[in-house]
Amino acid sequence: MKLTTSSIKKIAVTALTTTALATVALFHISVTANGDPVDGGADLYKAKCQACHSADGSGNTPAGQKMGARDLRLPEVQKQSDAKLHAIIKDGKAKMPKFASLSDDQINGLVAHIRALAH
């Protein structure tokens, strides 16, 4: 098979397009205003909250039991406003540390994840 300039160009365009699409697919995540990824809160919850509140939100972990972590699925937690949950995450409460270094969008993702735990 003899490659012509035209066929080489088509191959190059196809390769570049495929690479571009793969890159977009790999990096297609929402970002906050400052460029931090937003994942709906699941990954951030796992990294920052799960050790005390557990994967299911029950608080049934050794650290959670020691700290008195709330069961995030309970109605008294779920009925709190998003703003209240946001403030608790950002400022901490009782033995829960503050997470003021998180962006508002990241905290909003955590609040959304906490809401999903009740379902």
PDB file of N, CA and C in Angstrom:
ATOM      1  N   MET A   1       0.853  -1.177   0.000  1.00  0.00           N
ATOM      2  CA  MET A   1       0.000   0.000   0.000  1.00  0.00           C
ATOM      3  C   MET A   1       0.895   1.235   0.000  1.00  0.00           C
ATOM      4  N   LYS A   2       0.646   2.085  -0.938  1.00  0.00           N
ATOM      5  CA  LYS A   2       1.429   3.309  -1.066  1.00  0.00           C
ATOM      6  C   LYS A   2       0.700   4.435  -0.340  1.00  0.00           C
ATOM      7  N   LEU A   3       1.440   5.119   0.544  1.00  0.00           N
ATOM      8  CA  LEU A   3       0.854   6.238   1.272  1.00  0.00           C
ATOM      9  C   LEU A   3       1.047   7.523   0.489  1.00  0.00           C
ATOM     10  N   THR A   4      -0.030   8.207   0.313  1.00  0.00           N
ATOM     11  CA  THR A   4       0.024   9.496  -0.368  1.00  0.00           C
ATOM     12  C   THR A   4      -0.006  10.590   0.685  1.00  0.00           C
ATOM     13  N   THR A   5       0.301  11.770   0.274  1.00  0.00           N
ATOM     14  CA  THR A   5       0.249  12.920   1.177  1.00  0.00           C
ATOM     15  C   THR A   5      -1.150  13.064   1.762  1.00  0.00           C
ATOM     16  N   SER A   6      -2.130  12.846   0.944  1.00  0.00           N
ATOM     17  CA  SER A   6      -3.520  12.952   1.385  1.00  0.00           C
ATOM     18  C   SER A   6      -3.850  11.905   2.442  1.00  0.00           C
ATOM     19  N   SER A   7      -3.411  10.668   2.230  1.00  0.00           N
ATOM     20  CA  SER A   7      -3.714   9.618   3.208  1.00  0.00           C
ATOM     21  C   SER A   7      -2.942   9.830   4.503  1.00  0.00           C
ATOM     22  N   ILE A   8      -1.730  10.349   4.408  1.00  0.00           N
ATOM     23  CA  ILE A   8      -0.945  10.653   5.624  1.00  0.00           C
ATOM     24  C   ILE A   8      -1.641  11.745   6.426  1.00  0.00           C
ATOM     25  N   LYS A   9      -2.148  12.759   5.728  1.00  0.00           N
ATOM     26  CA  LYS A   9      -2.867  13.832   6.419  1.00  0.00           C
ATOM     27  C   LYS A   9      -4.120  13.287   7.107  1.00  0.00           C
ATOM     28  N   LYS A  10      -4.851  12.395   6.428  1.00  0.00           N
ATOM     29  CA  LYS A  10      -6.052  11.806   7.029  1.00  0.00           C
ATOM     30  C   LYS A  10      -5.711  10.993   8.269  1.00  0.00           C
ATOM     31  N   ILE A  11      -4.620  10.230   8.195  1.00  0.00           N
ATOM     32  CA  ILE A  11      -4.182   9.436   9.344  1.00  0.00           C
ATOM     33  C   ILE A  11      -3.796  10.357  10.498  1.00  0.00           C
ATOM     34  N   ALA A  12      -3.076  11.421  10.191  1.00  0.00           N
ATOM     35  CA  ALA A  12      -2.647  12.363  11.229  1.00  0.00           C
ATOM     36  C   ALA A  12      -3.847  13.040  11.884  1.00  0.00           C
ATOM     37  N   VAL A  13      -4.806  13.470  11.066  1.00  0.00           N
ATOM     38  CA  VAL A  13      -6.009  14.117  11.605  1.00  0.00           C
ATOM     39  C   VAL A  13      -6.787  13.129  12.473  1.00  0.00           C
ATOM     40  N   THR A  14      -6.915  11.899  12.028  1.00  0.00           N
ATOM     41  CA  THR A  14      -7.618  10.871  12.801  1.00  0.00           C
ATOM     42  C   THR A  14      -6.912  10.620  14.129  1.00  0.00           C
ATOM     43  N   ALA A  15      -5.593  10.523  14.089  1.00  0.00           N
ATOM     44  CA  ALA A  15      -4.819  10.284  15.313  1.00  0.00           C
ATOM     45  C   ALA A  15      -4.964  11.458  16.276  1.00  0.00           C
ATOM     46  N   LEU A  16      -4.872  12.675  15.770  1.00  0.00           N
ATOM     47  CA  LEU A  16      -5.021  13.854  16.627  1.00  0.00           C
ATOM     48  C   LEU A  16      -6.431  13.947  17.208  1.00  0.00           C
ATOM     49  N   THR A  17      -7.417  13.664  16.387  1.00  0.00           N
ATOM     50  CA  THR A  17      -8.802  13.703  16.862  1.00  0.00           C
ATOM     51  C   THR A  17      -9.036  12.659  17.943  1.00  0.00           C
ATOM     52  N   THR A  18      -8.527  11.454  17.707  1.00  0.00           N
ATOM     53  CA  THR A  18      -8.675  10.383  18.697  1.00  0.00           C
ATOM     54  C   THR A  18      -7.983  10.763  20.001  1.00  0.00           C
ATOM     55  N   THR A  19      -6.796  11.310  19.904  1.00  0.00           N
ATOM     56  CA  THR A  19      -6.060  11.732  21.097  1.00  0.00           C
ATOM     57  C   THR A  19      -6.810  12.840  21.828  1.00  0.00           C
ATOM     58  N   ALA A  20      -7.321  13.793  21.078  1.00  0.00           N
ATOM     59  CA  ALA A  20      -8.066  14.899  21.698  1.00  0.00           C
ATOM     60  C   ALA A  20      -9.316  14.393  22.399  1.00  0.00           C
ATOM     61  N   LEU A  21     -10.049  13.501  21.752  1.00  0.00           N
ATOM     62  CA  LEU A  21     -11.260  12.952  22.366  1.00  0.00           C
ATOM     63  C   LEU A  21     -10.939  12.134  23.609  1.00  0.00           C
ATOM     64  N   ALA A  22      -9.868  11.370  23.563  1.00  0.00           N
ATOM     65  CA  ALA A  22      -9.462  10.585  24.733  1.00  0.00           C
ATOM     66  C   ALA A  22      -9.069  11.504  25.876  1.00  0.00           C
ATOM     67  N   THR A  23      -8.361  12.571  25.563  1.00  0.00           N
ATOM     68  CA  THR A  23      -7.965  13.532  26.594  1.00  0.00           C
ATOM     69  C   THR A  23      -9.185  14.183  27.223  1.00  0.00           C
ATOM     70  N   VAL A  24     -10.133  14.592  26.414  1.00  0.00           N
ATOM     71  CA  VAL A  24     -11.365  15.199  26.924  1.00  0.00           C
ATOM     72  C   VAL A  24     -12.114  14.202  27.805  1.00  0.00           C
ATOM     73  N   ALA A  25     -12.199  12.976  27.360  1.00  0.00           N
ATOM     74  CA  ALA A  25     -12.909  11.955  28.136  1.00  0.00           C
ATOM     75  C   ALA A  25     -12.239  11.720  29.481  1.00  0.00           C
ATOM     76  N   LEU A  26     -10.926  11.690  29.493  1.00  0.00           N
ATOM     77  CA  LEU A  26     -10.205  11.459  30.744  1.00  0.00           C
ATOM     78  C   LEU A  26     -10.319  12.629  31.712  1.00  0.00           C
ATOM     79  N   PHE A  27     -10.368  13.812  31.163  1.00  0.00           N
ATOM     80  CA  PHE A  27     -10.365  14.997  32.006  1.00  0.00           C
ATOM     81  C   PHE A  27     -11.691  15.727  32.026  1.00  0.00           C
ATOM     82  N   HIS A  28     -12.750  15.068  31.590  1.00  0.00           N
ATOM     83  CA  HIS A  28     -14.063  15.691  31.566  1.00  0.00           C
ATOM     84  C   HIS A  28     -14.675  15.625  32.963  1.00  0.00           C
ATOM     85  N   ILE A  29     -14.327  16.618  33.762  1.00  0.00           N
ATOM     86  CA  ILE A  29     -14.891  16.768  35.087  1.00  0.00           C
ATOM     87  C   ILE A  29     -15.254  18.230  35.257  1.00  0.00           C
ATOM     88  N   SER A  30     -16.199  18.483  36.107  1.00  0.00           N
ATOM     89  CA  SER A  30     -16.546  19.868  36.396  1.00  0.00           C
ATOM     90  C   SER A  30     -15.421  20.474  37.219  1.00  0.00           C
ATOM     91  N   VAL A  31     -15.234  21.761  37.071  1.00  0.00           N
ATOM     92  CA  VAL A  31     -14.234  22.436  37.878  1.00  0.00           C
ATOM     93  C   VAL A  31     -14.861  23.647  38.543  1.00  0.00           C
ATOM     94  N   THR A  32     -14.311  24.010  39.685  1.00  0.00           N
ATOM     95  CA  THR A  32     -14.778  25.185  40.395  1.00  0.00           C
ATOM     96  C   THR A  32     -14.171  26.421  39.751  1.00  0.00           C
ATOM     97  N   ALA A  33     -14.530  27.571  40.275  1.00  0.00           N
ATOM     98  CA  ALA A  33     -14.011  28.823  39.734  1.00  0.00           C
ATOM     99  C   ALA A  33     -12.486  28.877  39.814  1.00  0.00           C
ATOM    100  N   ASN A  34     -11.896  28.226  40.821  1.00  0.00           N
ATOM    101  CA  ASN A  34     -10.440  28.263  40.955  1.00  0.00           C
ATOM    102  C   ASN A  34      -9.774  27.038  40.332  1.00  0.00           C
ATOM    103  N   GLY A  35     -10.536  26.232  39.576  1.00  0.00           N
ATOM    104  CA  GLY A  35      -9.945  25.120  38.857  1.00  0.00           C
ATOM    105  C   GLY A  35      -9.894  23.807  39.608  1.00  0.00           C
ATOM    106  N   ASP A  36     -10.403  23.747  40.829  1.00  0.00           N
ATOM    107  CA  ASP A  36     -10.409  22.503  41.574  1.00  0.00           C
ATOM    108  C   ASP A  36     -11.500  21.585  41.045  1.00  0.00           C
ATOM    109  N   PRO A  37     -11.244  20.283  41.012  1.00  0.00           N
ATOM    110  CA  PRO A  37     -12.273  19.375  40.510  1.00  0.00           C
ATOM    111  C   PRO A  37     -13.450  19.254  41.458  1.00  0.00           C
ATOM    112  N   VAL A  38     -14.626  19.082  40.890  1.00  0.00           N
ATOM    113  CA  VAL A  38     -15.831  18.831  41.662  1.00  0.00           C
ATOM    114  C   VAL A  38     -16.352  17.471  41.227  1.00  0.00           C
ATOM    115  N   ASP A  39     -16.510  16.555  42.146  1.00  0.00           N
ATOM    116  CA  ASP A  39     -16.910  15.203  41.773  1.00  0.00           C
ATOM    117  C   ASP A  39     -18.236  14.825  42.377  1.00  0.00           C
ATOM    118  N   GLY A  40     -19.032  15.818  42.756  1.00  0.00           N
ATOM    119  CA  GLY A  40     -20.281  15.503  43.427  1.00  0.00           C
ATOM    120  C   GLY A  40     -20.054  15.185  44.889  1.00  0.00           C
ATOM    121  N   GLY A  41     -18.834  15.234  45.316  1.00  0.00           N
ATOM    122  CA  GLY A  41     -18.516  15.050  46.726  1.00  0.00           C
ATOM    123  C   GLY A  41     -18.116  13.650  47.130  1.00  0.00           C
ATOM    124  N   ALA A  42     -18.343  12.647  46.302  1.00  0.00           N
ATOM    125  CA  ALA A  42     -18.086  11.258  46.708  1.00  0.00           C
ATOM    126  C   ALA A  42     -16.614  11.011  47.025  1.00  0.00           C
ATOM    127  N   ASP A  43     -15.724  11.436  46.138  1.00  0.00           N
ATOM    128  CA  ASP A  43     -14.297  11.219  46.383  1.00  0.00           C
ATOM    129  C   ASP A  43     -13.803  12.055  47.557  1.00  0.00           C
ATOM    130  N   LEU A  44     -14.279  13.282  47.642  1.00  0.00           N
ATOM    131  CA  LEU A  44     -13.877  14.154  48.739  1.00  0.00           C
ATOM    132  C   LEU A  44     -14.410  13.626  50.068  1.00  0.00           C
ATOM    133  N   TYR A  45     -15.635  13.117  50.062  1.00  0.00           N
ATOM    134  CA  TYR A  45     -16.210  12.503  51.257  1.00  0.00           C
ATOM    135  C   TYR A  45     -15.338  11.328  51.702  1.00  0.00           C
ATOM    136  N   LYS A  46     -14.944  10.515  50.763  1.00  0.00           N
ATOM    137  CA  LYS A  46     -14.105   9.356  51.073  1.00  0.00           C
ATOM    138  C   LYS A  46     -12.792   9.805  51.701  1.00  0.00           C
ATOM    139  N   ALA A  47     -12.214  10.864  51.174  1.00  0.00           N
ATOM    140  CA  ALA A  47     -10.923  11.351  51.657  1.00  0.00           C
ATOM    141  C   ALA A  47     -11.007  12.092  52.987  1.00  0.00           C
ATOM    142  N   LYS A  48     -12.069  12.851  53.188  1.00  0.00           N
ATOM    143  CA  LYS A  48     -12.128  13.747  54.350  1.00  0.00           C
ATOM    144  C   LYS A  48     -13.096  13.308  55.447  1.00  0.00           C
ATOM    145  N   CYS A  49     -14.132  12.551  55.106  1.00  0.00           N
ATOM    146  CA  CYS A  49     -15.223  12.309  56.050  1.00  0.00           C
ATOM    147  C   CYS A  49     -15.413  10.841  56.438  1.00  0.00           C
ATOM    148  N   GLN A  50     -15.079   9.962  55.536  1.00  0.00           N
ATOM    149  CA  GLN A  50     -15.410   8.552  55.705  1.00  0.00           C
ATOM    150  C   GLN A  50     -14.761   7.907  56.928  1.00  0.00           C
ATOM    151  N   ALA A  51     -13.589   8.335  57.317  1.00  0.00           N
ATOM    152  CA  ALA A  51     -12.908   7.727  58.464  1.00  0.00           C
ATOM    153  C   ALA A  51     -13.755   7.830  59.729  1.00  0.00           C
ATOM    154  N   CYS A  52     -14.476   8.908  59.874  1.00  0.00           N
ATOM    155  CA  CYS A  52     -15.336   9.077  61.055  1.00  0.00           C
ATOM    156  C   CYS A  52     -16.795   8.733  60.761  1.00  0.00           C
ATOM    157  N   HIS A  53     -17.308   9.196  59.637  1.00  0.00           N
ATOM    158  CA  HIS A  53     -18.739   9.037  59.348  1.00  0.00           C
ATOM    159  C   HIS A  53     -19.070   7.742  58.613  1.00  0.00           C
ATOM    160  N   SER A  54     -18.083   6.976  58.178  1.00  0.00           N
ATOM    161  CA  SER A  54     -18.183   5.707  57.461  1.00  0.00           C
ATOM    162  C   SER A  54     -18.707   5.906  56.045  1.00  0.00           C
ATOM    163  N   ALA A  55     -18.517   4.898  55.224  1.00  0.00           N
ATOM    164  CA  ALA A  55     -18.918   4.996  53.815  1.00  0.00           C
ATOM    165  C   ALA A  55     -20.411   5.220  53.662  1.00  0.00           C
ATOM    166  N   ASP A  56     -21.192   4.630  54.553  1.00  0.00           N
ATOM    167  CA  ASP A  56     -22.654   4.768  54.444  1.00  0.00           C
ATOM    168  C   ASP A  56     -23.218   5.941  55.236  1.00  0.00           C
ATOM    169  N   GLY A  57     -22.349   6.693  55.909  1.00  0.00           N
ATOM    170  CA  GLY A  57     -22.789   7.859  56.673  1.00  0.00           C
ATOM    171  C   GLY A  57     -23.232   7.557  58.085  1.00  0.00           C
ATOM    172  N   SER A  58     -23.174   6.294  58.494  1.00  0.00           N
ATOM    173  CA  SER A  58     -23.700   5.884  59.802  1.00  0.00           C
ATOM    174  C   SER A  58     -22.862   6.354  60.986  1.00  0.00           C
ATOM    175  N   GLY A  59     -21.596   6.662  60.747  1.00  0.00           N
ATOM    176  CA  GLY A  59     -20.706   7.028  61.849  1.00  0.00           C
ATOM    177  C   GLY A  59     -20.193   5.812  62.602  1.00  0.00           C
ATOM    178  N   ASN A  60     -20.441   4.650  62.058  1.00  0.00           N
ATOM    179  CA  ASN A  60     -20.090   3.397  62.722  1.00  0.00           C
ATOM    180  C   ASN A  60     -18.674   2.966  62.341  1.00  0.00           C
ATOM    181  N   THR A  61     -17.710   3.756  62.771  1.00  0.00           N
ATOM    182  CA  THR A  61     -16.294   3.427  62.613  1.00  0.00           C
ATOM    183  C   THR A  61     -15.652   3.619  63.982  1.00  0.00           C
ATOM    184  N   PRO A  62     -14.489   3.014  64.228  1.00  0.00           N
ATOM    185  CA  PRO A  62     -13.833   3.238  65.526  1.00  0.00           C
ATOM    186  C   PRO A  62     -13.605   4.729  65.815  1.00  0.00           C
ATOM    187  N   ALA A  63     -13.117   5.457  64.811  1.00  0.00           N
ATOM    188  CA  ALA A  63     -12.891   6.894  65.007  1.00  0.00           C
ATOM    189  C   ALA A  63     -14.209   7.626  65.213  1.00  0.00           C
ATOM    190  N   GLY A  64     -15.209   7.258  64.436  1.00  0.00           N
ATOM    191  CA  GLY A  64     -16.515   7.896  64.556  1.00  0.00           C
ATOM    192  C   GLY A  64     -17.155   7.655  65.908  1.00  0.00           C
ATOM    193  N   GLN A  65     -17.039   6.447  66.404  1.00  0.00           N
ATOM    194  CA  GLN A  65     -17.600   6.131  67.719  1.00  0.00           C
ATOM    195  C   GLN A  65     -16.858   6.882  68.810  1.00  0.00           C
ATOM    196  N   LYS A  66     -15.543   6.972  68.685  1.00  0.00           N
ATOM    197  CA  LYS A  66     -14.739   7.694  69.674  1.00  0.00           C
ATOM    198  C   LYS A  66     -15.068   9.190  69.679  1.00  0.00           C
ATOM    199  N   MET A  67     -15.307   9.734  68.482  1.00  0.00           N
ATOM    200  CA  MET A  67     -15.571  11.178  68.363  1.00  0.00           C
ATOM    201  C   MET A  67     -17.045  11.529  68.510  1.00  0.00           C
ATOM    202  N   GLY A  68     -17.907  10.517  68.522  1.00  0.00           N
ATOM    203  CA  GLY A  68     -19.343  10.796  68.597  1.00  0.00           C
ATOM    204  C   GLY A  68     -19.883  11.334  67.284  1.00  0.00           C
ATOM    205  N   ALA A  69     -19.361  10.810  66.173  1.00  0.00           N
ATOM    206  CA  ALA A  69     -19.789  11.284  64.853  1.00  0.00           C
ATOM    207  C   ALA A  69     -21.270  11.007  64.640  1.00  0.00           C
ATOM    208  N   ARG A  70     -21.944  11.980  64.063  1.00  0.00           N
ATOM    209  CA  ARG A  70     -23.374  11.856  63.780  1.00  0.00           C
ATOM    210  C   ARG A  70     -23.620  10.902  62.628  1.00  0.00           C
ATOM    211  N   ASP A  71     -24.747  10.230  62.676  1.00  0.00           N
ATOM    212  CA  ASP A  71     -25.224   9.444  61.550  1.00  0.00           C
ATOM    213  C   ASP A  71     -25.825  10.447  60.570  1.00  0.00           C
ATOM    214  N   LEU A  72     -25.171  10.623  59.449  1.00  0.00           N
ATOM    215  CA  LEU A  72     -25.574  11.648  58.491  1.00  0.00           C
ATOM    216  C   LEU A  72     -26.868  11.321  57.768  1.00  0.00           C
ATOM    217  N   ARG A  73     -27.362  10.096  57.934  1.00  0.00           N
ATOM    218  CA  ARG A  73     -28.604   9.677  57.273  1.00  0.00           C
ATOM    219  C   ARG A  73     -29.838  10.026  58.093  1.00  0.00           C
ATOM    220  N   LEU A  74     -29.641  10.372  59.363  1.00  0.00           N
ATOM    221  CA  LEU A  74     -30.773  10.628  60.254  1.00  0.00           C
ATOM    222  C   LEU A  74     -31.562  11.869  59.849  1.00  0.00           C
ATOM    223  N   PRO A  75     -32.868  11.841  60.098  1.00  0.00           N
ATOM    224  CA  PRO A  75     -33.712  12.992  59.738  1.00  0.00           C
ATOM    225  C   PRO A  75     -33.233  14.310  60.355  1.00  0.00           C
ATOM    226  N   GLU A  76     -32.731  14.282  61.588  1.00  0.00           N
ATOM    227  CA  GLU A  76     -32.303  15.545  62.201  1.00  0.00           C
ATOM    228  C   GLU A  76     -31.084  16.153  61.503  1.00  0.00           C
ATOM    229  N   VAL A  77     -30.299  15.341  60.847  1.00  0.00           N
ATOM    230  CA  VAL A  77     -29.200  15.872  60.038  1.00  0.00           C
ATOM    231  C   VAL A  77     -29.733  16.285  58.673  1.00  0.00           C
ATOM    232  N   GLN A  78     -30.513  15.419  58.055  1.00  0.00           N
ATOM    233  CA  GLN A  78     -31.011  15.668  56.706  1.00  0.00           C
ATOM    234  C   GLN A  78     -31.952  16.876  56.631  1.00  0.00           C
ATOM    235  N   LYS A  79     -32.636  17.195  57.712  1.00  0.00           N
ATOM    236  CA  LYS A  79     -33.569  18.330  57.669  1.00  0.00           C
ATOM    237  C   LYS A  79     -32.854  19.675  57.791  1.00  0.00           C
ATOM    238  N   GLN A  80     -31.567  19.653  58.155  1.00  0.00           N
ATOM    239  CA  GLN A  80     -30.828  20.905  58.239  1.00  0.00           C
ATOM    240  C   GLN A  80     -30.661  21.483  56.833  1.00  0.00           C
ATOM    241  N   SER A  81     -30.640  22.780  56.760  1.00  0.00           N
ATOM    242  CA  SER A  81     -30.503  23.441  55.452  1.00  0.00           C
ATOM    243  C   SER A  81     -29.113  23.185  54.878  1.00  0.00           C
ATOM    244  N   ASP A  82     -29.019  23.340  53.573  1.00  0.00           N
ATOM    245  CA  ASP A  82     -27.716  23.214  52.928  1.00  0.00           C
ATOM    246  C   ASP A  82     -26.730  24.214  53.521  1.00  0.00           C
ATOM    247  N   ALA A  83     -27.220  25.430  53.789  1.00  0.00           N
ATOM    248  CA  ALA A  83     -26.354  26.465  54.363  1.00  0.00           C
ATOM    249  C   ALA A  83     -25.825  26.047  55.733  1.00  0.00           C
ATOM    250  N   LYS A  84     -26.666  25.411  56.539  1.00  0.00           N
ATOM    251  CA  LYS A  84     -26.247  24.963  57.864  1.00  0.00           C
ATOM    252  C   LYS A  84     -25.202  23.852  57.741  1.00  0.00           C
ATOM    253  N   LEU A  85     -25.448  22.869  56.880  1.00  0.00           N
ATOM    254  CA  LEU A  85     -24.470  21.794  56.683  1.00  0.00           C
ATOM    255  C   LEU A  85     -23.163  22.356  56.136  1.00  0.00           C
ATOM    256  N   HIS A  86     -23.269  23.312  55.229  1.00  0.00           N
ATOM    257  CA  HIS A  86     -22.093  23.974  54.664  1.00  0.00           C
ATOM    258  C   HIS A  86     -21.280  24.621  55.785  1.00  0.00           C
ATOM    259  N   ALA A  87     -21.953  25.337  56.667  1.00  0.00           N
ATOM    260  CA  ALA A  87     -21.267  26.022  57.768  1.00  0.00           C
ATOM    261  C   ALA A  87     -20.601  25.027  58.711  1.00  0.00           C
ATOM    262  N   ILE A  88     -21.267  23.911  58.996  1.00  0.00           N
ATOM    263  CA  ILE A  88     -20.696  22.903  59.891  1.00  0.00           C
ATOM    264  C   ILE A  88     -19.432  22.305  59.271  1.00  0.00           C
ATOM    265  N   ILE A  89     -19.483  22.013  57.987  1.00  0.00           N
ATOM    266  CA  ILE A  89     -18.306  21.459  57.320  1.00  0.00           C
ATOM    267  C   ILE A  89     -17.167  22.477  57.315  1.00  0.00           C
ATOM    268  N   LYS A  90     -17.487  23.702  56.977  1.00  0.00           N
ATOM    269  CA  LYS A  90     -16.459  24.742  56.867  1.00  0.00           C
ATOM    270  C   LYS A  90     -15.866  25.115  58.230  1.00  0.00           C
ATOM    271  N   ASP A  91     -16.728  25.251  59.245  1.00  0.00           N
ATOM    272  CA  ASP A  91     -16.289  25.768  60.542  1.00  0.00           C
ATOM    273  C   ASP A  91     -16.070  24.701  61.603  1.00  0.00           C
ATOM    274  N   GLY A  92     -16.511  23.456  61.325  1.00  0.00           N
ATOM    275  CA  GLY A  92     -16.408  22.398  62.323  1.00  0.00           C
ATOM    276  C   GLY A  92     -17.503  22.525  63.359  1.00  0.00           C
ATOM    277  N   LYS A  93     -17.613  21.503  64.195  1.00  0.00           N
ATOM    278  CA  LYS A  93     -18.615  21.532  65.255  1.00  0.00           C
ATOM    279  C   LYS A  93     -18.229  20.477  66.290  1.00  0.00           C
ATOM    280  N   ALA A  94     -18.232  20.865  67.546  1.00  0.00           N
ATOM    281  CA  ALA A  94     -17.840  19.967  68.632  1.00  0.00           C
ATOM    282  C   ALA A  94     -16.461  19.371  68.307  1.00  0.00           C
ATOM    283  N   LYS A  95     -16.365  18.054  68.207  1.00  0.00           N
ATOM    284  CA  LYS A  95     -15.076  17.407  67.935  1.00  0.00           C
ATOM    285  C   LYS A  95     -14.748  17.311  66.443  1.00  0.00           C
ATOM    286  N   MET A  96     -15.703  17.694  65.605  1.00  0.00           N
ATOM    287  CA  MET A  96     -15.446  17.646  64.167  1.00  0.00           C
ATOM    288  C   MET A  96     -14.548  18.816  63.771  1.00  0.00           C
ATOM    289  N   PRO A  97     -13.456  18.514  63.073  1.00  0.00           N
ATOM    290  CA  PRO A  97     -12.564  19.610  62.663  1.00  0.00           C
ATOM    291  C   PRO A  97     -13.192  20.474  61.577  1.00  0.00           C
ATOM    292  N   LYS A  98     -12.682  21.676  61.456  1.00  0.00           N
ATOM    293  CA  LYS A  98     -13.155  22.544  60.376  1.00  0.00           C
ATOM    294  C   LYS A  98     -12.405  22.208  59.097  1.00  0.00           C
ATOM    295  N   PHE A  99     -13.079  22.408  57.989  1.00  0.00           N
ATOM    296  CA  PHE A  99     -12.500  22.179  56.674  1.00  0.00           C
ATOM    297  C   PHE A  99     -12.562  23.473  55.880  1.00  0.00           C
ATOM    298  N   ALA A 100     -12.073  24.550  56.488  1.00  0.00           N
ATOM    299  CA  ALA A 100     -12.124  25.879  55.881  1.00  0.00           C
ATOM    300  C   ALA A 100     -11.266  25.975  54.624  1.00  0.00           C
ATOM    301  N   SER A 101     -10.327  25.052  54.451  1.00  0.00           N
ATOM    302  CA  SER A 101      -9.473  25.101  53.255  1.00  0.00           C
ATOM    303  C   SER A 101     -10.200  24.610  52.001  1.00  0.00           C
ATOM    304  N   LEU A 102     -11.358  23.981  52.163  1.00  0.00           N
ATOM    305  CA  LEU A 102     -12.130  23.519  51.006  1.00  0.00           C
ATOM    306  C   LEU A 102     -12.859  24.696  50.376  1.00  0.00           C
ATOM    307  N   SER A 103     -12.989  24.653  49.069  1.00  0.00           N
ATOM    308  CA  SER A 103     -13.734  25.709  48.377  1.00  0.00           C
ATOM    309  C   SER A 103     -15.229  25.531  48.639  1.00  0.00           C
ATOM    310  N   ASP A 104     -15.978  26.584  48.387  1.00  0.00           N
ATOM    311  CA  ASP A 104     -17.433  26.497  48.538  1.00  0.00           C
ATOM    312  C   ASP A 104     -18.010  25.414  47.630  1.00  0.00           C
ATOM    313  N   ASP A 105     -17.489  25.309  46.412  1.00  0.00           N
ATOM    314  CA  ASP A 105     -17.981  24.280  45.492  1.00  0.00           C
ATOM    315  C   ASP A 105     -17.684  22.877  46.016  1.00  0.00           C
ATOM    316  N   GLN A 106     -16.523  22.686  46.606  1.00  0.00           N
ATOM    317  CA  GLN A 106     -16.198  21.376  47.170  1.00  0.00           C
ATOM    318  C   GLN A 106     -17.133  21.048  48.332  1.00  0.00           C
ATOM    319  N   ILE A 107     -17.379  22.025  49.182  1.00  0.00           N
ATOM    320  CA  ILE A 107     -18.290  21.807  50.310  1.00  0.00           C
ATOM    321  C   ILE A 107     -19.700  21.545  49.792  1.00  0.00           C
ATOM    322  N   ASN A 108     -20.116  22.260  48.778  1.00  0.00           N
ATOM    323  CA  ASN A 108     -21.436  22.000  48.184  1.00  0.00           C
ATOM    324  C   ASN A 108     -21.516  20.567  47.665  1.00  0.00           C
ATOM    325  N   GLY A 109     -20.421  20.070  47.097  1.00  0.00           N
ATOM    326  CA  GLY A 109     -20.375  18.679  46.651  1.00  0.00           C
ATOM    327  C   GLY A 109     -20.522  17.718  47.815  1.00  0.00           C
ATOM    328  N   LEU A 110     -19.887  18.039  48.953  1.00  0.00           N
ATOM    329  CA  LEU A 110     -20.031  17.206  50.144  1.00  0.00           C
ATOM    330  C   LEU A 110     -21.465  17.228  50.657  1.00  0.00           C
ATOM    331  N   VAL A 111     -22.077  18.390  50.669  1.00  0.00           N
ATOM    332  CA  VAL A 111     -23.469  18.500  51.115  1.00  0.00           C
ATOM    333  C   VAL A 111     -24.359  17.638  50.211  1.00  0.00           C
ATOM    334  N   ALA A 112     -24.142  17.714  48.930  1.00  0.00           N
ATOM    335  CA  ALA A 112     -24.922  16.895  47.985  1.00  0.00           C
ATOM    336  C   ALA A 112     -24.715  15.412  48.264  1.00  0.00           C
ATOM    337  N   HIS A 113     -23.499  15.027  48.563  1.00  0.00           N
ATOM    338  CA  HIS A 113     -23.223  13.617  48.866  1.00  0.00           C
ATOM    339  C   HIS A 113     -23.904  13.199  50.168  1.00  0.00           C
ATOM    340  N   ILE A 114     -23.879  14.071  51.149  1.00  0.00           N
ATOM    341  CA  ILE A 114     -24.551  13.779  52.428  1.00  0.00           C
ATOM    342  C   ILE A 114     -26.055  13.592  52.184  1.00  0.00           C
ATOM    343  N   ARG A 115     -26.627  14.414  51.340  1.00  0.00           N
ATOM    344  CA  ARG A 115     -28.049  14.265  51.001  1.00  0.00           C
ATOM    345  C   ARG A 115     -28.298  12.900  50.353  1.00  0.00           C
ATOM    346  N   ALA A 116     -27.387  12.475  49.491  1.00  0.00           N
ATOM    347  CA  ALA A 116     -27.557  11.201  48.795  1.00  0.00           C
ATOM    348  C   ALA A 116     -27.454  10.011  49.739  1.00  0.00           C
ATOM    349  N   LEU A 117     -26.761  10.155  50.846  1.00  0.00           N
ATOM    350  CA  LEU A 117     -26.609   9.048  51.805  1.00  0.00           C
ATOM    351  C   LEU A 117     -27.944   8.624  52.406  1.00  0.00           C
ATOM    352  N   ALA A 118     -28.877   9.532  52.451  1.00  0.00           N
ATOM    353  CA  ALA A 118     -30.182   9.235  53.058  1.00  0.00           C
ATOM    354  C   ALA A 118     -31.070   8.397  52.137  1.00  0.00           C
ATOM    355  N   HIS A 119     -30.699   8.246  50.897  1.00  0.00           N
ATOM    356  CA  HIS A 119     -31.544   7.523  49.930  1.00  0.00           C
ATOM    357  C   HIS A 119     -31.112   6.109  49.765  1.00  0.00           C
TER     358      HIS A 119
END
